[in-house]
Amino acid sequence: MTNLENNKPIEDIHLNIGATFDFIDENLPEKYSREVLDLLPKDKQVDPAYIRIVKKYRIKNEAIINALYRVAQWNKLQKQQQ
């Protein structure tokens, strides 16, 4: 996966958080925590268990939601190319 640190956060995904989490649930690969950790900035690194908690309980954590969304987008693109 490419390094996406320099990209701006996706701002419009936080407007409809329900639809965002639905997209994440549909497109996130089975093993995703390592990829999410790679996308998080150094100052926002967390335990992989917390990433799973944010996804499961839909906790509002902007940095983790952005990373989850990017991993889901990447996985969706890979599925479409196959």
C-alpha atoms as a PDB file:
ATOM      1  CA  MET A   1       0.000   0.000   0.000  1.00  0.00           C
ATOM      2  CA  THR A   2       1.263   3.458  -0.734  1.00  0.00           C
ATOM      3  CA  ASN A   3       2.186   5.934   1.953  1.00  0.00           C
ATOM      4  CA  LEU A   4      -0.841   8.196   2.406  1.00  0.00           C
ATOM      5  CA  GLU A   5       0.499  10.382   5.228  1.00  0.00           C
ATOM      6  CA  ASN A   6       0.678  13.485   3.048  1.00  0.00           C
ATOM      7  CA  ASN A   7      -2.939  13.243   1.903  1.00  0.00           C
ATOM      8  CA  LYS A   8      -5.500  15.468   3.533  1.00  0.00           C
ATOM      9  CA  PRO A   9      -8.116  13.775   5.728  1.00  0.00           C
ATOM     10  CA  ILE A  10     -11.340  12.880   4.018  1.00  0.00           C
ATOM     11  CA  GLU A  11     -13.668  15.489   5.470  1.00  0.00           C
ATOM     12  CA  ASP A  12     -17.028  14.542   3.969  1.00  0.00           C
ATOM     13  CA  ILE A  13     -17.032  11.013   5.414  1.00  0.00           C
ATOM     14  CA  HIS A  14     -17.774  12.439   8.844  1.00  0.00           C
ATOM     15  CA  LEU A  15     -20.992  14.103   7.690  1.00  0.00           C
ATOM     16  CA  ASN A  16     -22.899  10.819   7.436  1.00  0.00           C
ATOM     17  CA  ILE A  17     -21.130   8.569   9.913  1.00  0.00           C
ATOM     18  CA  GLY A  18     -23.668   5.749   9.549  1.00  0.00           C
ATOM     19  CA  ALA A  19     -23.091   5.448   5.803  1.00  0.00           C
ATOM     20  CA  THR A  20     -19.338   5.659   6.374  1.00  0.00           C
ATOM     21  CA  PHE A  21     -19.345   2.753   8.809  1.00  0.00           C
ATOM     22  CA  ASP A  22     -21.636   0.763   6.490  1.00  0.00           C
ATOM     23  CA  PHE A  23     -19.081   1.248   3.687  1.00  0.00           C
ATOM     24  CA  ILE A  24     -16.265   0.237   6.049  1.00  0.00           C
ATOM     25  CA  ASP A  25     -18.157  -2.898   7.171  1.00  0.00           C
ATOM     26  CA  GLU A  26     -18.856  -3.950   3.581  1.00  0.00           C
ATOM     27  CA  ASN A  27     -15.374  -3.392   2.178  1.00  0.00           C
ATOM     28  CA  LEU A  28     -12.865  -3.859   4.972  1.00  0.00           C
ATOM     29  CA  PRO A  29     -10.696  -6.975   4.591  1.00  0.00           C
ATOM     30  CA  GLU A  30     -10.708  -9.657   7.276  1.00  0.00           C
ATOM     31  CA  LYS A  31      -7.240  -8.665   8.541  1.00  0.00           C
ATOM     32  CA  TYR A  32      -7.033  -4.876   8.592  1.00  0.00           C
ATOM     33  CA  SER A  33      -5.456  -3.607  11.818  1.00  0.00           C
ATOM     34  CA  ARG A  34      -1.841  -3.629  10.499  1.00  0.00           C
ATOM     35  CA  GLU A  35      -2.824  -1.584   7.455  1.00  0.00           C
ATOM     36  CA  VAL A  36      -4.752   0.894   9.610  1.00  0.00           C
ATOM     37  CA  LEU A  37      -1.759   1.272  11.950  1.00  0.00           C
ATOM     38  CA  ASP A  38       0.473   1.957   8.934  1.00  0.00           C
ATOM     39  CA  LEU A  39      -1.822   4.809   7.869  1.00  0.00           C
ATOM     40  CA  LEU A  40      -2.113   6.434  11.296  1.00  0.00           C
ATOM     41  CA  PRO A  41       0.269   9.309  12.060  1.00  0.00           C
ATOM     42  CA  LYS A  42       3.013   8.552  14.575  1.00  0.00           C
ATOM     43  CA  ASP A  43       1.365  10.647  17.289  1.00  0.00           C
ATOM     44  CA  LYS A  44      -1.960   8.784  16.905  1.00  0.00           C
ATOM     45  CA  GLN A  45      -0.678   5.200  17.108  1.00  0.00           C
ATOM     46  CA  VAL A  46      -2.937   2.961  19.219  1.00  0.00           C
ATOM     47  CA  ASP A  47      -3.319  -0.677  20.166  1.00  0.00           C
ATOM     48  CA  PRO A  48      -4.852  -2.852  17.397  1.00  0.00           C
ATOM     49  CA  ALA A  49      -7.577  -3.907  19.830  1.00  0.00           C
ATOM     50  CA  TYR A  50      -8.734  -0.284  20.073  1.00  0.00           C
ATOM     51  CA  ILE A  51      -9.025  -0.099  16.282  1.00  0.00           C
ATOM     52  CA  ARG A  52     -11.346  -3.118  16.348  1.00  0.00           C
ATOM     53  CA  ILE A  53     -13.373  -1.506  19.168  1.00  0.00           C
ATOM     54  CA  VAL A  54     -13.783   1.726  17.147  1.00  0.00           C
ATOM     55  CA  LYS A  55     -15.050  -0.301  14.201  1.00  0.00           C
ATOM     56  CA  LYS A  56     -17.343  -2.590  16.211  1.00  0.00           C
ATOM     57  CA  TYR A  57     -18.958   0.054  18.417  1.00  0.00           C
ATOM     58  CA  ARG A  58     -18.699   2.915  15.892  1.00  0.00           C
ATOM     59  CA  ILE A  59     -16.774   5.163  18.249  1.00  0.00           C
ATOM     60  CA  LYS A  60     -16.037   8.596  16.821  1.00  0.00           C
ATOM     61  CA  ASN A  61     -12.268   8.770  16.435  1.00  0.00           C
ATOM     62  CA  GLU A  62     -11.512  10.801  13.324  1.00  0.00           C
ATOM     63  CA  ALA A  63      -7.984   9.526  12.674  1.00  0.00           C
ATOM     64  CA  ILE A  64      -8.941   5.868  12.967  1.00  0.00           C
ATOM     65  CA  ILE A  65     -12.133   6.293  10.921  1.00  0.00           C
ATOM     66  CA  ASN A  66     -10.120   7.970   8.143  1.00  0.00           C
ATOM     67  CA  ALA A  67      -7.609   5.117   8.147  1.00  0.00           C
ATOM     68  CA  LEU A  68     -10.361   2.459   8.203  1.00  0.00           C
ATOM     69  CA  TYR A  69     -12.089   4.224   5.303  1.00  0.00           C
ATOM     70  CA  ARG A  70      -8.889   4.346   3.248  1.00  0.00           C
ATOM     71  CA  VAL A  71      -8.195   0.649   3.831  1.00  0.00           C
ATOM     72  CA  ALA A  72     -11.798  -0.164   2.838  1.00  0.00           C
ATOM     73  CA  GLN A  73     -11.447   1.958  -0.328  1.00  0.00           C
ATOM     74  CA  TRP A  74      -8.187   0.212  -1.211  1.00  0.00           C
ATOM     75  CA  ASN A  75      -9.737  -3.221  -0.672  1.00  0.00           C
ATOM     76  CA  LYS A  76     -12.781  -2.311  -2.778  1.00  0.00           C
ATOM     77  CA  LEU A  77     -10.540  -1.182  -5.648  1.00  0.00           C
ATOM     78  CA  GLN A  78      -8.562  -4.423  -5.464  1.00  0.00           C
ATOM     79  CA  LYS A  79     -11.783  -6.478  -5.592  1.00  0.00           C
ATOM     80  CA  GLN A  80     -13.003  -4.526  -8.632  1.00  0.00           C
ATOM     81  CA  GLN A  81      -9.754  -5.124 -10.516  1.00  0.00           C
ATOM     82  CA  GLN A  82      -9.930  -8.895 -10.084  1.00  0.00           C
END
